[in-house]
Amino acid sequence: MSDDGISVRVGGREIDPIRGGLLALLLGLAVTGYGAYDYQQQQQALEDAVTVDATVVETGVETRSESSSPGAEYEPTVTFEYRYDGENYTSHSVFPSATTPNYDTRSAAVSVLDGYEAGDTATAYVDPDTPGEAFLLDKRSRGPVIAVAIGGVVALLGVSSLFTGLRS
């Protein structure tokens, strides 16, 4: 790794700090943009949501194991059916955000959907602009904010590397 900023290797070749910084900047801006967009969508869905009766079809927990992290992460899953404006729909969304939280323990993920069993009637939330994308919990997900923060840090590292490369 060079001392001149971010060192990126592609195909065994090291990319100079300017190109590496530019790559990090663009990646950071893309992640930040996605997080900001998802935050806006979540905010809109929460503000505009109307309640509907839904029937829980299935709940569960999905295990995700990343090769870079030592332990598994757990994500609560749900399938529910509902009727809105004369149409039948099925949704799998627990939260109003596309960026959903993962939990360190299975029990933490299970607790998110405590009280929801297959066959139960529950309240779901529907944004009239996107009636096919209902969600079960009227709660904000921190996922979009985390994406914005991570993207911002990566973008700042990219800018730092760009300036380092331009000075040398």
C-alpha atoms as a PDB file:
ATOM      1  CA  MET A   1       0.000   0.000   0.000  1.00  0.00           C
ATOM      2  CA  SER A   2       1.313   3.415  -0.885  1.00  0.00           C
ATOM      3  CA  ASP A   3       1.544   6.320   1.556  1.00  0.00           C
ATOM      4  CA  ASP A   4      -0.017   8.674  -0.984  1.00  0.00           C
ATOM      5  CA  GLY A   5      -3.692   7.999  -0.157  1.00  0.00           C
ATOM      6  CA  ILE A   6      -6.028   5.179  -1.019  1.00  0.00           C
ATOM      7  CA  SER A   7      -4.304   2.229  -2.639  1.00  0.00           C
ATOM      8  CA  VAL A   8      -6.549   0.246  -4.944  1.00  0.00           C
ATOM      9  CA  ARG A   9      -5.492  -2.841  -6.864  1.00  0.00           C
ATOM     10  CA  VAL A  10      -7.276  -3.927 -10.022  1.00  0.00           C
ATOM     11  CA  GLY A  11      -5.991  -6.996 -11.847  1.00  0.00           C
ATOM     12  CA  GLY A  12      -2.840  -7.016  -9.715  1.00  0.00           C
ATOM     13  CA  ARG A  13      -1.960  -3.434 -10.673  1.00  0.00           C
ATOM     14  CA  GLU A  14      -2.031  -0.606  -8.173  1.00  0.00           C
ATOM     15  CA  ILE A  15      -4.116   2.383  -9.217  1.00  0.00           C
ATOM     16  CA  ASP A  16      -2.541   5.768  -8.456  1.00  0.00           C
ATOM     17  CA  PRO A  17      -3.993   7.916  -5.634  1.00  0.00           C
ATOM     18  CA  ILE A  18      -5.849  10.198  -8.019  1.00  0.00           C
ATOM     19  CA  ARG A  19      -7.699   7.374  -9.762  1.00  0.00           C
ATOM     20  CA  GLY A  20      -8.213   5.508  -6.475  1.00  0.00           C
ATOM     21  CA  GLY A  21      -9.514   8.678  -4.857  1.00  0.00           C
ATOM     22  CA  LEU A  22     -11.831   9.357  -7.767  1.00  0.00           C
ATOM     23  CA  LEU A  23     -13.137   5.791  -7.589  1.00  0.00           C
ATOM     24  CA  ALA A  24     -13.742   6.099  -3.825  1.00  0.00           C
ATOM     25  CA  LEU A  25     -15.393   9.493  -4.295  1.00  0.00           C
ATOM     26  CA  LEU A  26     -17.773   8.170  -6.943  1.00  0.00           C
ATOM     27  CA  LEU A  27     -18.577   5.055  -4.928  1.00  0.00           C
ATOM     28  CA  GLY A  28     -19.162   7.142  -1.795  1.00  0.00           C
ATOM     29  CA  LEU A  29     -21.439   9.549  -3.636  1.00  0.00           C
ATOM     30  CA  ALA A  30     -23.420   6.646  -5.115  1.00  0.00           C
ATOM     31  CA  VAL A  31     -23.943   5.035  -1.681  1.00  0.00           C
ATOM     32  CA  THR A  32     -24.823   8.411  -0.150  1.00  0.00           C
ATOM     33  CA  GLY A  33     -27.282   9.108  -2.968  1.00  0.00           C
ATOM     34  CA  TYR A  34     -28.930   5.718  -2.561  1.00  0.00           C
ATOM     35  CA  GLY A  35     -29.239   6.212   1.201  1.00  0.00           C
ATOM     36  CA  ALA A  36     -30.713   9.691   0.760  1.00  0.00           C
ATOM     37  CA  TYR A  37     -33.179   8.418  -1.849  1.00  0.00           C
ATOM     38  CA  ASP A  38     -34.204   5.503   0.386  1.00  0.00           C
ATOM     39  CA  TYR A  39     -34.610   7.876   3.345  1.00  0.00           C
ATOM     40  CA  GLN A  40     -36.863  10.118   1.256  1.00  0.00           C
ATOM     41  CA  GLN A  41     -38.930   7.130   0.088  1.00  0.00           C
ATOM     42  CA  GLN A  42     -39.251   5.884   3.670  1.00  0.00           C
ATOM     43  CA  GLN A  43     -40.310   9.347   4.868  1.00  0.00           C
ATOM     44  CA  GLN A  44     -42.898   9.636   2.088  1.00  0.00           C
ATOM     45  CA  ALA A  45     -44.296   6.163   2.775  1.00  0.00           C
ATOM     46  CA  LEU A  46     -44.647   6.896   6.498  1.00  0.00           C
ATOM     47  CA  GLU A  47     -46.335  10.257   5.919  1.00  0.00           C
ATOM     48  CA  ASP A  48     -48.783   9.046   3.273  1.00  0.00           C
ATOM     49  CA  ALA A  49     -49.567   5.582   4.634  1.00  0.00           C
ATOM     50  CA  VAL A  50     -53.094   4.433   5.219  1.00  0.00           C
ATOM     51  CA  THR A  51     -53.909   1.364   7.261  1.00  0.00           C
ATOM     52  CA  VAL A  52     -55.383  -1.829   5.847  1.00  0.00           C
ATOM     53  CA  ASP A  53     -56.216  -5.188   7.338  1.00  0.00           C
ATOM     54  CA  ALA A  54     -53.722  -7.825   6.328  1.00  0.00           C
ATOM     55  CA  THR A  55     -53.468 -11.562   6.818  1.00  0.00           C
ATOM     56  CA  VAL A  56     -50.054 -12.830   7.885  1.00  0.00           C
ATOM     57  CA  VAL A  57     -49.085 -15.768   5.688  1.00  0.00           C
ATOM     58  CA  GLU A  58     -45.645 -16.499   7.091  1.00  0.00           C
ATOM     59  CA  THR A  59     -42.972 -15.067   9.374  1.00  0.00           C
ATOM     60  CA  GLY A  60     -39.389 -16.165   9.803  1.00  0.00           C
ATOM     61  CA  VAL A  61     -35.778 -15.191  10.137  1.00  0.00           C
ATOM     62  CA  GLU A  62     -33.240 -15.242   7.339  1.00  0.00           C
ATOM     63  CA  THR A  63     -29.634 -15.911   8.289  1.00  0.00           C
ATOM     64  CA  ARG A  64     -26.982 -13.942   6.458  1.00  0.00           C
ATOM     65  CA  SER A  65     -23.338 -14.757   6.814  1.00  0.00           C
ATOM     66  CA  GLU A  66     -20.742 -12.488   5.274  1.00  0.00           C
ATOM     67  CA  SER A  67     -17.301 -13.897   4.635  1.00  0.00           C
ATOM     68  CA  SER A  68     -15.772 -10.675   5.971  1.00  0.00           C
ATOM     69  CA  SER A  69     -17.607 -10.736   9.295  1.00  0.00           C
ATOM     70  CA  PRO A  70     -17.042 -13.298  12.038  1.00  0.00           C
ATOM     71  CA  GLY A  71     -20.697 -13.967  12.915  1.00  0.00           C
ATOM     72  CA  ALA A  72     -24.003 -14.284  11.183  1.00  0.00           C
ATOM     73  CA  GLU A  73     -26.606 -11.558  10.942  1.00  0.00           C
ATOM     74  CA  TYR A  74     -30.336 -12.162  11.079  1.00  0.00           C
ATOM     75  CA  GLU A  75     -33.154 -10.473   9.218  1.00  0.00           C
ATOM     76  CA  PRO A  76     -36.833 -10.827  10.142  1.00  0.00           C
ATOM     77  CA  THR A  77     -38.998 -11.880   7.187  1.00  0.00           C
ATOM     78  CA  VAL A  78     -42.727 -11.737   6.621  1.00  0.00           C
ATOM     79  CA  THR A  79     -45.274 -12.455   3.933  1.00  0.00           C
ATOM     80  CA  PHE A  80     -48.729 -10.939   4.221  1.00  0.00           C
ATOM     81  CA  GLU A  81     -51.725 -10.436   1.994  1.00  0.00           C
ATOM     82  CA  TYR A  82     -54.028  -7.441   1.919  1.00  0.00           C
ATOM     83  CA  ARG A  83     -56.665  -5.721  -0.148  1.00  0.00           C
ATOM     84  CA  TYR A  84     -56.440  -2.078  -1.148  1.00  0.00           C
ATOM     85  CA  ASP A  85     -58.769  -0.125  -3.420  1.00  0.00           C
ATOM     86  CA  GLY A  86     -60.470  -3.310  -4.644  1.00  0.00           C
ATOM     87  CA  GLU A  87     -57.211  -5.111  -5.543  1.00  0.00           C
ATOM     88  CA  ASN A  88     -55.464  -8.010  -3.783  1.00  0.00           C
ATOM     89  CA  TYR A  89     -51.756  -7.704  -2.983  1.00  0.00           C
ATOM     90  CA  THR A  90     -48.976  -9.666  -1.326  1.00  0.00           C
ATOM     91  CA  SER A  91     -46.031  -7.979   0.391  1.00  0.00           C
ATOM     92  CA  HIS A  92     -42.819  -9.100   2.060  1.00  0.00           C
ATOM     93  CA  SER A  93     -41.811  -5.774   3.627  1.00  0.00           C
ATOM     94  CA  VAL A  94     -41.402  -5.491   7.364  1.00  0.00           C
ATOM     95  CA  PHE A  95     -40.276  -1.835   7.242  1.00  0.00           C
ATOM     96  CA  PRO A  96     -41.038   1.069   4.856  1.00  0.00           C
ATOM     97  CA  SER A  97     -37.402   1.247   3.755  1.00  0.00           C
ATOM     98  CA  ALA A  98     -35.607  -0.862   1.160  1.00  0.00           C
ATOM     99  CA  THR A  99     -32.552  -0.772   3.445  1.00  0.00           C
ATOM    100  CA  THR A 100     -33.641  -2.996   6.304  1.00  0.00           C
ATOM    101  CA  PRO A 101     -31.843  -3.648   9.566  1.00  0.00           C
ATOM    102  CA  ASN A 102     -30.059  -6.884  10.371  1.00  0.00           C
ATOM    103  CA  TYR A 103     -29.703  -8.153  13.913  1.00  0.00           C
ATOM    104  CA  ASP A 104     -26.760  -9.783  15.681  1.00  0.00           C
ATOM    105  CA  THR A 105     -28.860 -12.517  17.277  1.00  0.00           C
ATOM    106  CA  ARG A 106     -31.691 -14.676  16.031  1.00  0.00           C
ATOM    107  CA  SER A 107     -33.764 -13.786  19.104  1.00  0.00           C
ATOM    108  CA  ALA A 108     -33.468 -10.056  18.343  1.00  0.00           C
ATOM    109  CA  ALA A 109     -34.733 -10.646  14.794  1.00  0.00           C
ATOM    110  CA  VAL A 110     -37.563 -12.877  16.061  1.00  0.00           C
ATOM    111  CA  SER A 111     -38.623 -10.228  18.586  1.00  0.00           C
ATOM    112  CA  VAL A 112     -39.252  -7.709  15.785  1.00  0.00           C
ATOM    113  CA  LEU A 113     -42.213  -9.798  14.653  1.00  0.00           C
ATOM    114  CA  ASP A 114     -43.431 -10.892  18.101  1.00  0.00           C
ATOM    115  CA  GLY A 115     -47.187 -11.179  18.046  1.00  0.00           C
ATOM    116  CA  TYR A 116     -47.412 -11.944  14.325  1.00  0.00           C
ATOM    117  CA  GLU A 117     -48.251 -15.554  13.513  1.00  0.00           C
ATOM    118  CA  ALA A 118     -49.377 -17.189  10.272  1.00  0.00           C
ATOM    119  CA  GLY A 119     -53.132 -16.780   9.905  1.00  0.00           C
ATOM    120  CA  ASP A 120     -53.340 -13.713  12.155  1.00  0.00           C
ATOM    121  CA  THR A 121     -55.006 -10.512  11.047  1.00  0.00           C
ATOM    122  CA  ALA A 122     -52.703  -7.515  11.393  1.00  0.00           C
ATOM    123  CA  THR A 123     -52.610  -3.865  10.477  1.00  0.00           C
ATOM    124  CA  ALA A 124     -50.420  -3.067   7.490  1.00  0.00           C
ATOM    125  CA  TYR A 125     -49.526   0.299   6.015  1.00  0.00           C
ATOM    126  CA  VAL A 126     -49.989   1.214   2.363  1.00  0.00           C
ATOM    127  CA  ASP A 127     -48.745   4.272   0.520  1.00  0.00           C
ATOM    128  CA  PRO A 128     -51.575   5.033  -1.951  1.00  0.00           C
ATOM    129  CA  ASP A 129     -48.972   5.966  -4.583  1.00  0.00           C
ATOM    130  CA  THR A 130     -47.409   2.477  -4.379  1.00  0.00           C
ATOM    131  CA  PRO A 131     -50.164   0.140  -3.168  1.00  0.00           C
ATOM    132  CA  GLY A 132     -48.187  -3.004  -4.005  1.00  0.00           C
ATOM    133  CA  GLU A 133     -45.456  -2.125  -1.492  1.00  0.00           C
ATOM    134  CA  ALA A 134     -47.186  -2.267   1.883  1.00  0.00           C
ATOM    135  CA  PHE A 135     -45.172  -2.675   5.070  1.00  0.00           C
ATOM    136  CA  LEU A 136     -46.040  -4.247   8.380  1.00  0.00           C
ATOM    137  CA  LEU A 137     -44.314  -2.026  10.939  1.00  0.00           C
ATOM    138  CA  ASP A 138     -44.871   1.721  11.087  1.00  0.00           C
ATOM    139  CA  LYS A 139     -41.268   2.309  12.193  1.00  0.00           C
ATOM    140  CA  ARG A 140     -38.296   4.042  10.683  1.00  0.00           C
ATOM    141  CA  SER A 141     -35.332   1.936   9.653  1.00  0.00           C
ATOM    142  CA  ARG A 142     -31.873   3.350  10.415  1.00  0.00           C
ATOM    143  CA  GLY A 143     -30.544   1.677   7.264  1.00  0.00           C
ATOM    144  CA  PRO A 144     -30.799   4.733   4.988  1.00  0.00           C
ATOM    145  CA  VAL A 145     -29.023   6.975   7.521  1.00  0.00           C
ATOM    146  CA  ILE A 146     -26.260   4.399   7.936  1.00  0.00           C
ATOM    147  CA  ALA A 147     -25.873   4.215   4.141  1.00  0.00           C
ATOM    148  CA  VAL A 148     -25.573   8.016   3.950  1.00  0.00           C
ATOM    149  CA  ALA A 149     -22.939   8.016   6.713  1.00  0.00           C
ATOM    150  CA  ILE A 150     -20.864   5.222   5.167  1.00  0.00           C
ATOM    151  CA  GLY A 151     -21.092   6.796   1.728  1.00  0.00           C
ATOM    152  CA  GLY A 152     -20.060  10.161   3.152  1.00  0.00           C
ATOM    153  CA  VAL A 153     -16.992   8.684   4.855  1.00  0.00           C
ATOM    154  CA  VAL A 154     -15.939   6.854   1.668  1.00  0.00           C
ATOM    155  CA  ALA A 155     -16.443  10.040  -0.368  1.00  0.00           C
ATOM    156  CA  LEU A 156     -14.333  12.055   2.097  1.00  0.00           C
ATOM    157  CA  LEU A 157     -11.575   9.442   1.917  1.00  0.00           C
ATOM    158  CA  GLY A 158     -11.729   9.729  -1.855  1.00  0.00           C
ATOM    159  CA  VAL A 159     -11.422  13.520  -1.722  1.00  0.00           C
ATOM    160  CA  SER A 160      -8.475  13.182   0.676  1.00  0.00           C
ATOM    161  CA  SER A 161      -6.741  10.779  -1.678  1.00  0.00           C
ATOM    162  CA  LEU A 162      -7.414  13.049  -4.646  1.00  0.00           C
ATOM    163  CA  PHE A 163      -5.792  16.014  -2.889  1.00  0.00           C
ATOM    164  CA  THR A 164      -2.872  13.857  -1.760  1.00  0.00           C
ATOM    165  CA  GLY A 165      -2.334  12.661  -5.320  1.00  0.00           C
ATOM    166  CA  LEU A 166      -2.605  16.157  -6.766  1.00  0.00           C
ATOM    167  CA  ARG A 167      -0.042  17.529  -4.281  1.00  0.00           C
ATOM    168  CA  SER A 168       2.572  14.900  -5.120  1.00  0.00           C
END
